[in-house]
Amino acid sequence: MHLTMRALREAAGKTQVDVAAASQINQADISRLESQTDFDDYQVSTLRRYLAALGGQLELVGAFGNKRIAISAVRAELATTSPANRALQPTSRMARRPRSMRAKPARG
C-alpha cells in the first residue's frame, strides 16, 4: 500500500498543527514535507518524528533486485560481522584481502 504523508496524517485524524506539536517540527515544515514528491532532502530523524506523531514508526527497507530487506539500526561492530553484510560484499580475492595488504597504486 502506498499513501502520501498527507493521506497518512488525515487517516490518523490529525491536523498539521497536531503533528507539529507532537513532533516538534514547525507546521510550515510539516506542510513542505507533505508536498514533497521524494524525501531525498529530509533526515531520517525528521521522518521518524513525523510518523511517531501519527502513532506509527519508520521502517527502512533496502531493495536489492527483487529482494526487500528491512534495515535495522544496530551497533557498528555487529553490522560488520553479520551474515547479511558478508552476503552483499564483493567476492573477488582482492576484495577479501585487508586494505593494508592490497597493492597501492603507483604515484607518478
PDB file of N, CA and C in Angstrom:
ATOM      1  N   MET A   1       0.851  -1.171   0.000  1.00  0.00           N
ATOM      2  CA  MET A   1       0.000   0.000   0.000  1.00  0.00           C
ATOM      3  C   MET A   1       0.901   1.238   0.000  1.00  0.00           C
ATOM      4  N   HIS A   2       0.563   2.199  -0.812  1.00  0.00           N
ATOM      5  CA  HIS A   2       1.315   3.448  -0.901  1.00  0.00           C
ATOM      6  C   HIS A   2       0.378   4.610  -0.611  1.00  0.00           C
ATOM      7  N   LEU A   3       0.722   5.411   0.378  1.00  0.00           N
ATOM      8  CA  LEU A   3      -0.044   6.598   0.719  1.00  0.00           C
ATOM      9  C   LEU A   3       0.902   7.788   0.830  1.00  0.00           C
ATOM     10  N   THR A   4       0.402   8.953   0.552  1.00  0.00           N
ATOM     11  CA  THR A   4       1.201  10.160   0.760  1.00  0.00           C
ATOM     12  C   THR A   4       1.258  10.458   2.256  1.00  0.00           C
ATOM     13  N   MET A   5       2.204  11.313   2.629  1.00  0.00           N
ATOM     14  CA  MET A   5       2.304  11.705   4.029  1.00  0.00           C
ATOM     15  C   MET A   5       1.014  12.400   4.477  1.00  0.00           C
ATOM     16  N   ARG A   6       0.477  13.239   3.621  1.00  0.00           N
ATOM     17  CA  ARG A   6      -0.772  13.941   3.958  1.00  0.00           C
ATOM     18  C   ARG A   6      -1.899  12.942   4.174  1.00  0.00           C
ATOM     19  N   ALA A   7      -2.014  11.947   3.281  1.00  0.00           N
ATOM     20  CA  ALA A   7      -3.078  10.942   3.423  1.00  0.00           C
ATOM     21  C   ALA A   7      -2.915  10.160   4.727  1.00  0.00           C
ATOM     22  N   LEU A   8      -1.675   9.864   5.106  1.00  0.00           N
ATOM     23  CA  LEU A   8      -1.436   9.180   6.383  1.00  0.00           C
ATOM     24  C   LEU A   8      -1.927  10.030   7.549  1.00  0.00           C
ATOM     25  N   ARG A   9      -1.564  11.325   7.501  1.00  0.00           N
ATOM     26  CA  ARG A   9      -1.960  12.235   8.577  1.00  0.00           C
ATOM     27  C   ARG A   9      -3.478  12.340   8.675  1.00  0.00           C
ATOM     28  N   GLU A  10      -4.113  12.516   7.525  1.00  0.00           N
ATOM     29  CA  GLU A  10      -5.571  12.639   7.516  1.00  0.00           C
ATOM     30  C   GLU A  10      -6.242  11.352   7.993  1.00  0.00           C
ATOM     31  N   ALA A  11      -5.693  10.196   7.611  1.00  0.00           N
ATOM     32  CA  ALA A  11      -6.249   8.913   8.051  1.00  0.00           C
ATOM     33  C   ALA A  11      -6.109   8.746   9.567  1.00  0.00           C
ATOM     34  N   ALA A  12      -5.058   9.359  10.129  1.00  0.00           N
ATOM     35  CA  ALA A  12      -4.864   9.305  11.578  1.00  0.00           C
ATOM     36  C   ALA A  12      -5.740  10.313  12.310  1.00  0.00           C
ATOM     37  N   GLY A  13      -6.458  11.159  11.545  1.00  0.00           N
ATOM     38  CA  GLY A  13      -7.342  12.139  12.165  1.00  0.00           C
ATOM     39  C   GLY A  13      -6.605  13.307  12.799  1.00  0.00           C
ATOM     40  N   LYS A  14      -5.424  13.610  12.287  1.00  0.00           N
ATOM     41  CA  LYS A  14      -4.595  14.684  12.853  1.00  0.00           C
ATOM     42  C   LYS A  14      -4.531  15.863  11.902  1.00  0.00           C
ATOM     43  N   THR A  15      -4.347  17.041  12.474  1.00  0.00           N
ATOM     44  CA  THR A  15      -4.096  18.239  11.675  1.00  0.00           C
ATOM     45  C   THR A  15      -2.584  18.467  11.623  1.00  0.00           C
ATOM     46  N   GLN A  16      -2.162  19.347  10.726  1.00  0.00           N
ATOM     47  CA  GLN A  16      -0.744  19.703  10.690  1.00  0.00           C
ATOM     48  C   GLN A  16      -0.300  20.306  12.021  1.00  0.00           C
ATOM     49  N   VAL A  17      -1.150  21.067  12.638  1.00  0.00           N
ATOM     50  CA  VAL A  17      -0.836  21.668  13.941  1.00  0.00           C
ATOM     51  C   VAL A  17      -0.649  20.578  14.997  1.00  0.00           C
ATOM     52  N   ASP A  18      -1.503  19.552  14.983  1.00  0.00           N
ATOM     53  CA  ASP A  18      -1.363  18.427  15.917  1.00  0.00           C
ATOM     54  C   ASP A  18      -0.010  17.746  15.739  1.00  0.00           C
ATOM     55  N   VAL A  19       0.335  17.474  14.484  1.00  0.00           N
ATOM     56  CA  VAL A  19       1.595  16.780  14.190  1.00  0.00           C
ATOM     57  C   VAL A  19       2.784  17.656  14.568  1.00  0.00           C
ATOM     58  N   ALA A  20       2.688  18.950  14.289  1.00  0.00           N
ATOM     59  CA  ALA A  20       3.774  19.871  14.637  1.00  0.00           C
ATOM     60  C   ALA A  20       4.025  19.871  16.140  1.00  0.00           C
ATOM     61  N   ALA A  21       2.969  19.913  16.913  1.00  0.00           N
ATOM     62  CA  ALA A  21       3.109  19.930  18.368  1.00  0.00           C
ATOM     63  C   ALA A  21       3.704  18.620  18.890  1.00  0.00           C
ATOM     64  N   ALA A  22       3.234  17.511  18.370  1.00  0.00           N
ATOM     65  CA  ALA A  22       3.692  16.205  18.850  1.00  0.00           C
ATOM     66  C   ALA A  22       5.106  15.869  18.389  1.00  0.00           C
ATOM     67  N   SER A  23       5.495  16.364  17.226  1.00  0.00           N
ATOM     68  CA  SER A  23       6.798  16.003  16.656  1.00  0.00           C
ATOM     69  C   SER A  23       7.873  17.055  16.883  1.00  0.00           C
ATOM     70  N   GLN A  24       7.468  18.225  17.338  1.00  0.00           N
ATOM     71  CA  GLN A  24       8.365  19.371  17.484  1.00  0.00           C
ATOM     72  C   GLN A  24       8.978  19.773  16.143  1.00  0.00           C
ATOM     73  N   ILE A  25       8.179  19.622  15.092  1.00  0.00           N
ATOM     74  CA  ILE A  25       8.539  20.085  13.747  1.00  0.00           C
ATOM     75  C   ILE A  25       7.630  21.273  13.454  1.00  0.00           C
ATOM     76  N   ASN A  26       8.179  22.342  12.959  1.00  0.00           N
ATOM     77  CA  ASN A  26       7.413  23.540  12.626  1.00  0.00           C
ATOM     78  C   ASN A  26       6.282  23.183  11.667  1.00  0.00           C
ATOM     79  N   GLN A  27       5.102  23.799  11.844  1.00  0.00           N
ATOM     80  CA  GLN A  27       3.953  23.493  10.993  1.00  0.00           C
ATOM     81  C   GLN A  27       4.236  23.782   9.525  1.00  0.00           C
ATOM     82  N   ALA A  28       4.988  24.844   9.230  1.00  0.00           N
ATOM     83  CA  ALA A  28       5.338  25.150   7.838  1.00  0.00           C
ATOM     84  C   ALA A  28       6.212  24.038   7.251  1.00  0.00           C
ATOM     85  N   ASP A  29       7.080  23.458   8.071  1.00  0.00           N
ATOM     86  CA  ASP A  29       7.908  22.337   7.611  1.00  0.00           C
ATOM     87  C   ASP A  29       7.070  21.084   7.386  1.00  0.00           C
ATOM     88  N   ILE A  30       6.047  20.899   8.209  1.00  0.00           N
ATOM     89  CA  ILE A  30       5.115  19.786   8.003  1.00  0.00           C
ATOM     90  C   ILE A  30       4.445  19.943   6.641  1.00  0.00           C
ATOM     91  N   SER A  31       4.016  21.147   6.330  1.00  0.00           N
ATOM     92  CA  SER A  31       3.362  21.422   5.047  1.00  0.00           C
ATOM     93  C   SER A  31       4.310  21.119   3.887  1.00  0.00           C
ATOM     94  N   ARG A  32       5.566  21.548   4.004  1.00  0.00           N
ATOM     95  CA  ARG A  32       6.553  21.272   2.947  1.00  0.00           C
ATOM     96  C   ARG A  32       6.809  19.775   2.808  1.00  0.00           C
ATOM     97  N   LEU A  33       6.933  19.097   3.936  1.00  0.00           N
ATOM     98  CA  LEU A  33       7.165  17.651   3.922  1.00  0.00           C
ATOM     99  C   LEU A  33       6.036  16.929   3.194  1.00  0.00           C
ATOM    100  N   GLU A  34       4.814  17.330   3.470  1.00  0.00           N
ATOM    101  CA  GLU A  34       3.654  16.675   2.866  1.00  0.00           C
ATOM    102  C   GLU A  34       3.505  16.973   1.376  1.00  0.00           C
ATOM    103  N   SER A  35       4.155  18.006   0.899  1.00  0.00           N
ATOM    104  CA  SER A  35       4.024  18.351  -0.523  1.00  0.00           C
ATOM    105  C   SER A  35       5.173  17.809  -1.372  1.00  0.00           C
ATOM    106  N   GLN A  36       6.121  17.133  -0.762  1.00  0.00           N
ATOM    107  CA  GLN A  36       7.276  16.604  -1.490  1.00  0.00           C
ATOM    108  C   GLN A  36       6.906  15.367  -2.310  1.00  0.00           C
ATOM    109  N   THR A  37       7.598  15.215  -3.439  1.00  0.00           N
ATOM    110  CA  THR A  37       7.417  14.008  -4.242  1.00  0.00           C
ATOM    111  C   THR A  37       8.461  12.949  -3.883  1.00  0.00           C
ATOM    112  N   ASP A  38       9.517  13.350  -3.192  1.00  0.00           N
ATOM    113  CA  ASP A  38      10.511  12.413  -2.661  1.00  0.00           C
ATOM    114  C   ASP A  38      11.039  12.980  -1.349  1.00  0.00           C
ATOM    115  N   PHE A  39      11.807  12.195  -0.645  1.00  0.00           N
ATOM    116  CA  PHE A  39      12.296  12.604   0.673  1.00  0.00           C
ATOM    117  C   PHE A  39      13.814  12.686   0.713  1.00  0.00           C
ATOM    118  N   ASP A  40      14.436  12.904  -0.421  1.00  0.00           N
ATOM    119  CA  ASP A  40      15.893  12.952  -0.507  1.00  0.00           C
ATOM    120  C   ASP A  40      16.514  14.009   0.395  1.00  0.00           C
ATOM    121  N   ASP A  41      15.824  15.114   0.617  1.00  0.00           N
ATOM    122  CA  ASP A  41      16.394  16.214   1.395  1.00  0.00           C
ATOM    123  C   ASP A  41      15.994  16.181   2.868  1.00  0.00           C
ATOM    124  N   TYR A  42      15.363  15.102   3.312  1.00  0.00           N
ATOM    125  CA  TYR A  42      14.916  15.019   4.699  1.00  0.00           C
ATOM    126  C   TYR A  42      15.755  14.027   5.483  1.00  0.00           C
ATOM    127  N   GLN A  43      15.980  14.357   6.739  1.00  0.00           N
ATOM    128  CA  GLN A  43      16.707  13.449   7.614  1.00  0.00           C
ATOM    129  C   GLN A  43      15.780  12.335   8.083  1.00  0.00           C
ATOM    130  N   VAL A  44      16.363  11.186   8.325  1.00  0.00           N
ATOM    131  CA  VAL A  44      15.589  10.046   8.823  1.00  0.00           C
ATOM    132  C   VAL A  44      14.908  10.419  10.137  1.00  0.00           C
ATOM    133  N   SER A  45      15.595  11.169  10.990  1.00  0.00           N
ATOM    134  CA  SER A  45      15.009  11.542  12.280  1.00  0.00           C
ATOM    135  C   SER A  45      13.746  12.386  12.111  1.00  0.00           C
ATOM    136  N   THR A  46      13.707  13.244  11.089  1.00  0.00           N
ATOM    137  CA  THR A  46      12.515  14.057  10.832  1.00  0.00           C
ATOM    138  C   THR A  46      11.347  13.176  10.424  1.00  0.00           C
ATOM    139  N   LEU A  47      11.599  12.240   9.520  1.00  0.00           N
ATOM    140  CA  LEU A  47      10.541  11.318   9.088  1.00  0.00           C
ATOM    141  C   LEU A  47      10.074  10.446  10.251  1.00  0.00           C
ATOM    142  N   ARG A  48      11.014  10.025  11.088  1.00  0.00           N
ATOM    143  CA  ARG A  48      10.667   9.199  12.248  1.00  0.00           C
ATOM    144  C   ARG A  48       9.765   9.983  13.210  1.00  0.00           C
ATOM    145  N   ARG A  49      10.103  11.237  13.480  1.00  0.00           N
ATOM    146  CA  ARG A  49       9.299  12.057  14.393  1.00  0.00           C
ATOM    147  C   ARG A  49       7.907  12.320  13.812  1.00  0.00           C
ATOM    148  N   TYR A  50       7.837  12.572  12.513  1.00  0.00           N
ATOM    149  CA  TYR A  50       6.544  12.804  11.859  1.00  0.00           C
ATOM    150  C   TYR A  50       5.649  11.573  12.040  1.00  0.00           C
ATOM    151  N   LEU A  51       6.174  10.409  11.707  1.00  0.00           N
ATOM    152  CA  LEU A  51       5.370   9.186  11.813  1.00  0.00           C
ATOM    153  C   LEU A  51       5.025   8.856  13.255  1.00  0.00           C
ATOM    154  N   ALA A  52       5.939   9.112  14.178  1.00  0.00           N
ATOM    155  CA  ALA A  52       5.654   8.868  15.595  1.00  0.00           C
ATOM    156  C   ALA A  52       4.504   9.749  16.071  1.00  0.00           C
ATOM    157  N   ALA A  53       4.442  10.982  15.557  1.00  0.00           N
ATOM    158  CA  ALA A  53       3.345  11.889  15.913  1.00  0.00           C
ATOM    159  C   ALA A  53       1.994  11.368  15.422  1.00  0.00           C
ATOM    160  N   LEU A  54       2.030  10.512  14.408  1.00  0.00           N
ATOM    161  CA  LEU A  54       0.803   9.898  13.894  1.00  0.00           C
ATOM    162  C   LEU A  54       0.490   8.572  14.583  1.00  0.00           C
ATOM    163  N   GLY A  55       1.409   8.126  15.457  1.00  0.00           N
ATOM    164  CA  GLY A  55       1.217   6.853  16.143  1.00  0.00           C
ATOM    165  C   GLY A  55       1.899   5.695  15.441  1.00  0.00           C
ATOM    166  N   GLY A  56       2.734   6.003  14.442  1.00  0.00           N
ATOM    167  CA  GLY A  56       3.426   4.946  13.702  1.00  0.00           C
ATOM    168  C   GLY A  56       4.913   4.936  13.983  1.00  0.00           C
ATOM    169  N   GLN A  57       5.613   4.139  13.236  1.00  0.00           N
ATOM    170  CA  GLN A  57       7.070   4.098  13.337  1.00  0.00           C
ATOM    171  C   GLN A  57       7.648   3.947  11.948  1.00  0.00           C
ATOM    172  N   LEU A  58       8.856   4.451  11.780  1.00  0.00           N
ATOM    173  CA  LEU A  58       9.532   4.404  10.493  1.00  0.00           C
ATOM    174  C   LEU A  58      10.295   3.095  10.364  1.00  0.00           C
ATOM    175  N   GLU A  59      10.143   2.431   9.232  1.00  0.00           N
ATOM    176  CA  GLU A  59      10.925   1.241   8.906  1.00  0.00           C
ATOM    177  C   GLU A  59      11.637   1.508   7.593  1.00  0.00           C
ATOM    178  N   LEU A  60      12.923   1.200   7.538  1.00  0.00           N
ATOM    179  CA  LEU A  60      13.686   1.354   6.307  1.00  0.00           C
ATOM    180  C   LEU A  60      13.821  -0.005   5.643  1.00  0.00           C
ATOM    181  N   VAL A  61      13.600  -0.015   4.338  1.00  0.00           N
ATOM    182  CA  VAL A  61      13.702  -1.254   3.570  1.00  0.00           C
ATOM    183  C   VAL A  61      14.616  -0.998   2.388  1.00  0.00           C
ATOM    184  N   GLY A  62      15.626  -1.841   2.240  1.00  0.00           N
ATOM    185  CA  GLY A  62      16.518  -1.751   1.094  1.00  0.00           C
ATOM    186  C   GLY A  62      16.036  -2.692   0.009  1.00  0.00           C
ATOM    187  N   ALA A  63      16.077  -2.224  -1.238  1.00  0.00           N
ATOM    188  CA  ALA A  63      15.678  -3.051  -2.374  1.00  0.00           C
ATOM    189  C   ALA A  63      16.931  -3.529  -3.089  1.00  0.00           C
ATOM    190  N   PHE A  64      17.088  -4.832  -3.207  1.00  0.00           N
ATOM    191  CA  PHE A  64      18.203  -5.462  -3.894  1.00  0.00           C
ATOM    192  C   PHE A  64      17.618  -6.373  -4.962  1.00  0.00           C
ATOM    193  N   GLY A  65      17.439  -5.831  -6.163  1.00  0.00           N
ATOM    194  CA  GLY A  65      16.766  -6.594  -7.206  1.00  0.00           C
ATOM    195  C   GLY A  65      15.338  -6.858  -6.773  1.00  0.00           C
ATOM    196  N   ASN A  66      14.967  -8.133  -6.716  1.00  0.00           N
ATOM    197  CA  ASN A  66      13.602  -8.475  -6.296  1.00  0.00           C
ATOM    198  C   ASN A  66      13.505  -8.748  -4.797  1.00  0.00           C
ATOM    199  N   LYS A  67      14.597  -8.547  -4.064  1.00  0.00           N
ATOM    200  CA  LYS A  67      14.597  -8.761  -2.615  1.00  0.00           C
ATOM    201  C   LYS A  67      14.334  -7.450  -1.890  1.00  0.00           C
ATOM    202  N   ARG A  68      13.588  -7.529  -0.813  1.00  0.00           N
ATOM    203  CA  ARG A  68      13.340  -6.402   0.070  1.00  0.00           C
ATOM    204  C   ARG A  68      13.877  -6.787   1.442  1.00  0.00           C
ATOM    205  N   ILE A  69      14.799  -5.987   1.977  1.00  0.00           N
ATOM    206  CA  ILE A  69      15.425  -6.303   3.247  1.00  0.00           C
ATOM    207  C   ILE A  69      15.202  -5.149   4.208  1.00  0.00           C
ATOM    208  N   ALA A  70      14.591  -5.441   5.364  1.00  0.00           N
ATOM    209  CA  ALA A  70      14.393  -4.424   6.392  1.00  0.00           C
ATOM    210  C   ALA A  70      15.746  -4.092   7.002  1.00  0.00           C
ATOM    211  N   ILE A  71      16.000  -2.805   7.149  1.00  0.00           N
ATOM    212  CA  ILE A  71      17.275  -2.336   7.678  1.00  0.00           C
ATOM    213  C   ILE A  71      17.070  -1.938   9.127  1.00  0.00           C
ATOM    214  N   SER A  72      17.877  -2.504  10.012  1.00  0.00           N
ATOM    215  CA  SER A  72      17.790  -2.215  11.433  1.00  0.00           C
ATOM    216  C   SER A  72      18.963  -1.351  11.856  1.00  0.00           C
ATOM    217  N   ALA A  73      18.744  -0.512  12.829  1.00  0.00           N
ATOM    218  CA  ALA A  73      19.832   0.261  13.417  1.00  0.00           C
ATOM    219  C   ALA A  73      20.485  -0.614  14.474  1.00  0.00           C
ATOM    220  N   VAL A  74      21.738  -0.970  14.241  1.00  0.00           N
ATOM    221  CA  VAL A  74      22.465  -1.807  15.187  1.00  0.00           C
ATOM    222  C   VAL A  74      23.823  -1.189  15.442  1.00  0.00           C
ATOM    223  N   ARG A  75      24.495  -1.665  16.460  1.00  0.00           N
ATOM    224  CA  ARG A  75      25.846  -1.189  16.744  1.00  0.00           C
ATOM    225  C   ARG A  75      26.754  -1.532  15.577  1.00  0.00           C
ATOM    226  N   ALA A  76      27.693  -0.668  15.296  1.00  0.00           N
ATOM    227  CA  ALA A  76      28.579  -0.816  14.134  1.00  0.00           C
ATOM    228  C   ALA A  76      29.326  -2.147  14.143  1.00  0.00           C
ATOM    229  N   GLU A  77      29.797  -2.605  15.308  1.00  0.00           N
ATOM    230  CA  GLU A  77      30.568  -3.848  15.322  1.00  0.00           C
ATOM    231  C   GLU A  77      29.712  -5.054  14.956  1.00  0.00           C
ATOM    232  N   LEU A  78      28.417  -5.020  15.236  1.00  0.00           N
ATOM    233  CA  LEU A  78      27.540  -6.114  14.827  1.00  0.00           C
ATOM    234  C   LEU A  78      27.301  -6.073  13.330  1.00  0.00           C
ATOM    235  N   ALA A  79      27.179  -4.888  12.773  1.00  0.00           N
ATOM    236  CA  ALA A  79      26.907  -4.762  11.345  1.00  0.00           C
ATOM    237  C   ALA A  79      28.064  -5.283  10.504  1.00  0.00           C
ATOM    238  N   THR A  80      29.282  -5.133  10.963  1.00  0.00           N
ATOM    239  CA  THR A  80      30.430  -5.557  10.161  1.00  0.00           C
ATOM    240  C   THR A  80      30.617  -7.065  10.163  1.00  0.00           C
ATOM    241  N   THR A  81      30.021  -7.772  11.111  1.00  0.00           N
ATOM    242  CA  THR A  81      30.210  -9.214  11.170  1.00  0.00           C
ATOM    243  C   THR A  81      28.938  -9.996  10.832  1.00  0.00           C
ATOM    244  N   SER A  82      27.886  -9.310  10.463  1.00  0.00           N
ATOM    245  CA  SER A  82      26.627 -10.014  10.229  1.00  0.00           C
ATOM    246  C   SER A  82      26.671 -10.795   8.916  1.00  0.00           C
ATOM    247  N   PRO A  83      25.969 -11.930   8.833  1.00  0.00           N
ATOM    248  CA  PRO A  83      25.918 -12.704   7.591  1.00  0.00           C
ATOM    249  C   PRO A  83      25.373 -11.900   6.416  1.00  0.00           C
ATOM    250  N   ALA A  84      24.405 -11.026   6.660  1.00  0.00           N
ATOM    251  CA  ALA A  84      23.841 -10.222   5.571  1.00  0.00           C
ATOM    252  C   ALA A  84      24.900  -9.302   4.986  1.00  0.00           C
ATOM    253  N   ASN A  85      25.744  -8.744   5.845  1.00  0.00           N
ATOM    254  CA  ASN A  85      26.813  -7.870   5.372  1.00  0.00           C
ATOM    255  C   ASN A  85      27.745  -8.666   4.465  1.00  0.00           C
ATOM    256  N   ARG A  86      28.144  -9.838   4.889  1.00  0.00           N
ATOM    257  CA  ARG A  86      29.045 -10.667   4.075  1.00  0.00           C
ATOM    258  C   ARG A  86      28.378 -11.079   2.769  1.00  0.00           C
ATOM    259  N   ALA A  87      27.088 -11.311   2.779  1.00  0.00           N
ATOM    260  CA  ALA A  87      26.381 -11.749   1.574  1.00  0.00           C
ATOM    261  C   ALA A  87      26.354 -10.668   0.505  1.00  0.00           C
ATOM    262  N   LEU A  88      26.453  -9.416   0.878  1.00  0.00           N
ATOM    263  CA  LEU A  88      26.386  -8.321  -0.083  1.00  0.00           C
ATOM    264  C   LEU A  88      27.765  -7.823  -0.506  1.00  0.00           C
ATOM    265  N   GLN A  89      28.821  -8.398   0.037  1.00  0.00           N
ATOM    266  CA  GLN A  89      30.179  -7.955  -0.278  1.00  0.00           C
ATOM    267  C   GLN A  89      30.666  -8.572  -1.589  1.00  0.00           C
ATOM    268  N   PRO A  90      31.598  -7.869  -2.274  1.00  0.00           N
ATOM    269  CA  PRO A  90      32.198  -8.443  -3.484  1.00  0.00           C
ATOM    270  C   PRO A  90      32.910  -9.746  -3.141  1.00  0.00           C
ATOM    271  N   THR A  91      32.978 -10.639  -4.107  1.00  0.00           N
ATOM    272  CA  THR A  91      33.565 -11.944  -3.831  1.00  0.00           C
ATOM    273  C   THR A  91      34.947 -12.147  -4.445  1.00  0.00           C
ATOM    274  N   SER A  92      35.500 -11.145  -5.091  1.00  0.00           N
ATOM    275  CA  SER A  92      36.823 -11.317  -5.679  1.00  0.00           C
ATOM    276  C   SER A  92      37.864 -11.478  -4.578  1.00  0.00           C
ATOM    277  N   ARG A  93      38.994 -12.118  -4.914  1.00  0.00           N
ATOM    278  CA  ARG A  93      40.054 -12.318  -3.933  1.00  0.00           C
ATOM    279  C   ARG A  93      40.571 -10.998  -3.407  1.00  0.00           C
ATOM    280  N   MET A  94      40.701  -9.998  -4.276  1.00  0.00           N
ATOM    281  CA  MET A  94      41.238  -8.712  -3.864  1.00  0.00           C
ATOM    282  C   MET A  94      40.312  -8.036  -2.855  1.00  0.00           C
ATOM    283  N   ALA A  95      39.008  -8.172  -3.047  1.00  0.00           N
ATOM    284  CA  ALA A  95      38.051  -7.527  -2.158  1.00  0.00           C
ATOM    285  C   ALA A  95      38.096  -8.131  -0.762  1.00  0.00           C
ATOM    286  N   ARG A  96      38.493  -9.412  -0.644  1.00  0.00           N
ATOM    287  CA  ARG A  96      38.519 -10.068   0.651  1.00  0.00           C
ATOM    288  C   ARG A  96      39.783  -9.785   1.434  1.00  0.00           C
ATOM    289  N   ARG A  97      40.817  -9.288   0.782  1.00  0.00           N
ATOM    290  CA  ARG A  97      42.068  -9.004   1.466  1.00  0.00           C
ATOM    291  C   ARG A  97      41.937  -7.730   2.296  1.00  0.00           C
ATOM    292  N   PRO A  98      42.540  -7.697   3.476  1.00  0.00           N
ATOM    293  CA  PRO A  98      42.515  -6.472   4.268  1.00  0.00           C
ATOM    294  C   PRO A  98      43.139  -5.323   3.478  1.00  0.00           C
ATOM    295  N   ARG A  99      42.666  -4.133   3.690  1.00  0.00           N
ATOM    296  CA  ARG A  99      43.178  -2.970   2.965  1.00  0.00           C
ATOM    297  C   ARG A  99      44.683  -2.823   3.099  1.00  0.00           C
ATOM    298  N   SER A 100      45.210  -3.159   4.272  1.00  0.00           N
ATOM    299  CA  SER A 100      46.648  -2.994   4.485  1.00  0.00           C
ATOM    300  C   SER A 100      47.469  -3.917   3.592  1.00  0.00           C
ATOM    301  N   MET A 101      46.859  -4.984   3.067  1.00  0.00           N
ATOM    302  CA  MET A 101      47.594  -5.923   2.231  1.00  0.00           C
ATOM    303  C   MET A 101      47.364  -5.688   0.740  1.00  0.00           C
ATOM    304  N   ARG A 102      46.474  -4.798   0.386  1.00  0.00           N
ATOM    305  CA  ARG A 102      46.196  -4.530  -1.019  1.00  0.00           C
ATOM    306  C   ARG A 102      47.301  -3.682  -1.617  1.00  0.00           C
ATOM    307  N   ALA A 103      47.567  -3.926  -2.882  1.00  0.00           N
ATOM    308  CA  ALA A 103      48.585  -3.146  -3.587  1.00  0.00           C
ATOM    309  C   ALA A 103      48.132  -1.706  -3.690  1.00  0.00           C
ATOM    310  N   LYS A 104      49.078  -0.800  -3.471  1.00  0.00           N
ATOM    311  CA  LYS A 104      48.777   0.610  -3.582  1.00  0.00           C
ATOM    312  C   LYS A 104      49.136   1.081  -4.974  1.00  0.00           C
ATOM    313  N   PRO A 105      48.337   1.960  -5.594  1.00  0.00           N
ATOM    314  CA  PRO A 105      48.649   2.452  -6.936  1.00  0.00           C
ATOM    315  C   PRO A 105      49.942   3.257  -6.929  1.00  0.00           C
ATOM    316  N   ALA A 106      50.684   3.112  -8.006  1.00  0.00           N
ATOM    317  CA  ALA A 106      51.948   3.850  -8.136  1.00  0.00           C
ATOM    318  C   ALA A 106      51.656   5.325  -8.334  1.00  0.00           C
ATOM    319  N   ARG A 107      52.449   6.154  -7.683  1.00  0.00           N
ATOM    320  CA  ARG A 107      52.300   7.598  -7.854  1.00  0.00           C
ATOM    321  C   ARG A 107      53.330   8.071  -8.849  1.00  0.00           C
ATOM    322  N   GLY A 108      52.935   8.996  -9.696  1.00  0.00           N
ATOM    323  CA  GLY A 108      53.928   9.428 -10.660  1.00  0.00           C
ATOM    324  C   GLY A 108      53.666  10.679 -11.283  1.00  0.00           C
TER     325      GLY A 108
END
